[in-house]
N, C-alpha and C. Protein backbone atom coordinates (compact mmCIF):
# COMPACT_ATOMS: atom_id res chain seq x y z
N MET A 1 42.44 55.48 68.45
CA MET A 1 42.15 54.75 67.24
C MET A 1 41.43 53.44 67.56
N ARG A 2 41.79 52.84 68.68
CA ARG A 2 41.11 51.60 69.05
C ARG A 2 39.60 51.81 69.19
N GLY A 3 39.21 52.96 69.70
CA GLY A 3 37.79 53.27 69.84
C GLY A 3 37.10 53.35 68.49
N HIS A 4 37.75 53.99 67.53
CA HIS A 4 37.18 54.09 66.18
C HIS A 4 37.08 52.70 65.55
N ILE A 5 38.12 51.92 65.72
CA ILE A 5 38.11 50.56 65.17
C ILE A 5 37.00 49.74 65.80
N ALA A 6 36.83 49.90 67.12
CA ALA A 6 35.78 49.16 67.82
C ALA A 6 34.38 49.51 67.29
N LEU A 7 34.20 50.75 66.85
CA LEU A 7 32.92 51.15 66.28
C LEU A 7 32.75 50.68 64.84
N LEU A 8 33.82 50.73 64.07
CA LEU A 8 33.74 50.40 62.65
C LEU A 8 33.74 48.90 62.38
N LEU A 9 34.44 48.14 63.19
CA LEU A 9 34.60 46.71 62.93
C LEU A 9 33.26 45.97 62.84
N PRO A 10 32.34 46.15 63.78
CA PRO A 10 31.05 45.45 63.65
C PRO A 10 30.26 45.88 62.41
N GLU A 11 30.37 47.16 62.04
CA GLU A 11 29.68 47.65 60.85
C GLU A 11 30.19 46.94 59.60
N VAL A 12 31.50 46.85 59.49
CA VAL A 12 32.09 46.22 58.30
C VAL A 12 31.84 44.71 58.33
N ARG A 13 31.89 44.10 59.50
CA ARG A 13 31.56 42.66 59.59
C ARG A 13 30.12 42.43 59.12
N GLY A 14 29.23 43.34 59.44
CA GLY A 14 27.84 43.21 59.01
C GLY A 14 27.71 43.23 57.50
N THR A 15 28.46 44.08 56.84
CA THR A 15 28.40 44.13 55.38
C THR A 15 29.07 42.91 54.77
N ALA A 16 30.02 42.32 55.48
CA ALA A 16 30.70 41.13 54.97
C ALA A 16 29.73 39.96 54.86
N ARG A 17 28.69 39.96 55.67
CA ARG A 17 27.71 38.88 55.62
C ARG A 17 26.92 38.88 54.31
N GLN A 18 26.97 39.97 53.58
CA GLN A 18 26.26 40.07 52.31
C GLN A 18 27.02 39.37 51.18
N LEU A 19 28.28 39.04 51.41
CA LEU A 19 29.08 38.36 50.39
C LEU A 19 28.73 36.88 50.35
N ARG A 20 29.01 36.24 49.23
CA ARG A 20 28.81 34.79 49.16
C ARG A 20 29.74 34.14 50.19
N PRO A 21 29.22 33.30 51.05
CA PRO A 21 29.99 32.76 52.19
C PRO A 21 31.31 32.09 51.83
N ASN A 22 31.38 31.37 50.75
CA ASN A 22 32.61 30.64 50.41
C ASN A 22 33.42 31.30 49.32
N SER A 23 33.14 32.55 49.03
CA SER A 23 33.89 33.24 47.98
C SER A 23 35.27 33.66 48.49
N ASN A 24 36.17 33.85 47.54
CA ASN A 24 37.52 34.32 47.91
C ASN A 24 37.45 35.67 48.60
N GLU A 25 36.60 36.54 48.11
CA GLU A 25 36.47 37.88 48.71
C GLU A 25 36.02 37.78 50.16
N ALA A 26 35.06 36.90 50.44
CA ALA A 26 34.57 36.74 51.81
C ALA A 26 35.67 36.21 52.73
N HIS A 27 36.46 35.26 52.23
CA HIS A 27 37.55 34.71 53.04
C HIS A 27 38.64 35.76 53.30
N ARG A 28 38.98 36.51 52.26
CA ARG A 28 40.00 37.56 52.44
C ARG A 28 39.54 38.62 53.43
N LEU A 29 38.27 39.03 53.29
CA LEU A 29 37.74 40.06 54.18
C LEU A 29 37.69 39.56 55.62
N LYS A 30 37.24 38.33 55.82
CA LYS A 30 37.19 37.77 57.16
C LYS A 30 38.58 37.70 57.78
N ALA A 31 39.57 37.26 57.00
CA ALA A 31 40.94 37.18 57.49
C ALA A 31 41.46 38.57 57.87
N ARG A 32 41.17 39.55 57.04
CA ARG A 32 41.64 40.92 57.33
C ARG A 32 40.98 41.46 58.59
N LEU A 33 39.68 41.25 58.73
CA LEU A 33 38.96 41.75 59.90
C LEU A 33 39.41 41.03 61.17
N ASP A 34 39.65 39.73 61.07
CA ASP A 34 40.17 38.98 62.23
C ASP A 34 41.55 39.50 62.62
N GLY A 35 42.38 39.80 61.63
CA GLY A 35 43.71 40.36 61.90
C GLY A 35 43.64 41.73 62.56
N ILE A 36 42.72 42.55 62.11
CA ILE A 36 42.53 43.87 62.71
C ILE A 36 42.10 43.71 64.17
N GLU A 37 41.19 42.79 64.41
CA GLU A 37 40.73 42.57 65.78
C GLU A 37 41.87 42.12 66.68
N ARG A 38 42.71 41.20 66.18
CA ARG A 38 43.88 40.76 66.97
C ARG A 38 44.83 41.92 67.23
N GLN A 39 45.03 42.75 66.23
CA GLN A 39 45.96 43.87 66.35
C GLN A 39 45.52 44.85 67.43
N THR A 40 44.22 45.05 67.57
CA THR A 40 43.73 46.00 68.57
C THR A 40 43.94 45.49 69.99
N ARG A 41 44.11 44.19 70.15
CA ARG A 41 44.32 43.63 71.49
C ARG A 41 45.78 43.68 71.92
N GLN A 42 46.68 43.99 71.01
CA GLN A 42 48.10 44.04 71.34
C GLN A 42 48.45 45.37 71.97
N GLY A 43 49.35 45.33 72.88
CA GLY A 43 49.84 46.56 73.49
C GLY A 43 50.84 47.26 72.58
N LEU A 44 51.40 48.32 73.09
CA LEU A 44 52.36 49.09 72.30
C LEU A 44 53.74 48.46 72.28
N GLY A 45 53.96 47.45 73.09
CA GLY A 45 55.27 46.82 73.12
C GLY A 45 56.24 47.63 73.95
N GLN A 46 57.48 47.25 73.87
CA GLN A 46 58.51 47.96 74.64
C GLN A 46 59.37 48.78 73.69
N GLY A 47 59.54 50.01 74.03
CA GLY A 47 60.38 50.87 73.22
C GLY A 47 59.59 51.74 72.26
N THR A 48 60.25 52.78 71.83
CA THR A 48 59.64 53.77 70.96
C THR A 48 59.33 53.20 69.58
N LEU A 49 60.24 52.43 69.03
CA LEU A 49 60.02 51.88 67.69
C LEU A 49 58.81 50.96 67.68
N SER A 50 58.71 50.10 68.66
CA SER A 50 57.58 49.19 68.76
C SER A 50 56.26 49.95 68.84
N ALA A 51 56.21 50.98 69.66
CA ALA A 51 55.00 51.79 69.79
C ALA A 51 54.68 52.49 68.47
N HIS A 52 55.70 53.00 67.81
CA HIS A 52 55.50 53.69 66.53
C HIS A 52 54.89 52.74 65.50
N VAL A 53 55.43 51.54 65.41
CA VAL A 53 54.94 50.56 64.44
C VAL A 53 53.49 50.17 64.78
N GLN A 54 53.21 49.96 66.05
CA GLN A 54 51.85 49.57 66.46
C GLN A 54 50.84 50.66 66.13
N VAL A 55 51.17 51.90 66.44
CA VAL A 55 50.25 53.00 66.16
C VAL A 55 50.06 53.17 64.66
N HIS A 56 51.12 53.01 63.89
CA HIS A 56 51.02 53.11 62.44
C HIS A 56 50.10 52.02 61.89
N GLN A 57 50.23 50.79 62.41
CA GLN A 57 49.37 49.69 61.95
C GLN A 57 47.91 49.95 62.32
N LEU A 58 47.68 50.45 63.53
CA LEU A 58 46.31 50.77 63.93
C LEU A 58 45.71 51.85 63.03
N ALA A 59 46.52 52.82 62.65
CA ALA A 59 46.05 53.88 61.76
C ALA A 59 45.67 53.31 60.39
N ARG A 60 46.49 52.41 59.86
CA ARG A 60 46.18 51.79 58.57
C ARG A 60 44.92 50.94 58.66
N ASP A 61 44.78 50.21 59.75
CA ASP A 61 43.57 49.40 59.94
C ASP A 61 42.33 50.27 60.02
N CYS A 62 42.44 51.38 60.73
CA CYS A 62 41.32 52.31 60.87
C CYS A 62 40.96 52.90 59.51
N GLN A 63 41.95 53.28 58.73
CA GLN A 63 41.70 53.81 57.39
C GLN A 63 41.01 52.78 56.51
N TYR A 64 41.44 51.54 56.59
CA TYR A 64 40.85 50.46 55.79
C TYR A 64 39.37 50.29 56.16
N LEU A 65 39.09 50.21 57.46
CA LEU A 65 37.71 50.04 57.91
C LEU A 65 36.84 51.22 57.50
N LEU A 66 37.38 52.41 57.64
CA LEU A 66 36.62 53.60 57.26
C LEU A 66 36.32 53.61 55.77
N ALA A 67 37.29 53.22 54.97
CA ALA A 67 37.08 53.17 53.51
C ALA A 67 36.02 52.13 53.15
N ARG A 68 36.08 50.94 53.77
CA ARG A 68 35.07 49.91 53.51
C ARG A 68 33.69 50.38 53.93
N HIS A 69 33.63 50.99 55.11
CA HIS A 69 32.36 51.47 55.63
C HIS A 69 31.78 52.56 54.73
N THR A 70 32.61 53.49 54.32
CA THR A 70 32.16 54.58 53.45
C THR A 70 31.69 54.05 52.11
N ALA A 71 32.39 53.07 51.57
CA ALA A 71 31.99 52.50 50.28
C ALA A 71 30.63 51.82 50.39
N GLU A 72 30.36 51.18 51.49
CA GLU A 72 29.06 50.51 51.69
C GLU A 72 27.92 51.53 51.82
N ILE A 73 28.21 52.64 52.48
CA ILE A 73 27.19 53.68 52.65
C ILE A 73 26.81 54.27 51.29
N GLN A 74 27.78 54.41 50.41
CA GLN A 74 27.54 55.04 49.11
C GLN A 74 26.80 54.11 48.14
N ARG A 75 26.68 52.85 48.47
CA ARG A 75 25.98 51.91 47.56
C ARG A 75 24.51 52.08 47.64
């Protein structure tokens, strides 16, 4: 999933530049993308539960990026 995120993140960041720089939407999107980037740098942690939570979060982040990317393509 990290590989998919690594491919999608720059694409979505590129579309974010089309938003008004000081708009609420631009700030929210930047914060979300920065959070996703931080999340991909974290390891799985120690223990099964920690790994499960990390993988689940990466999956949600990947789904979010894919949805944003797909929506931009359809415009």
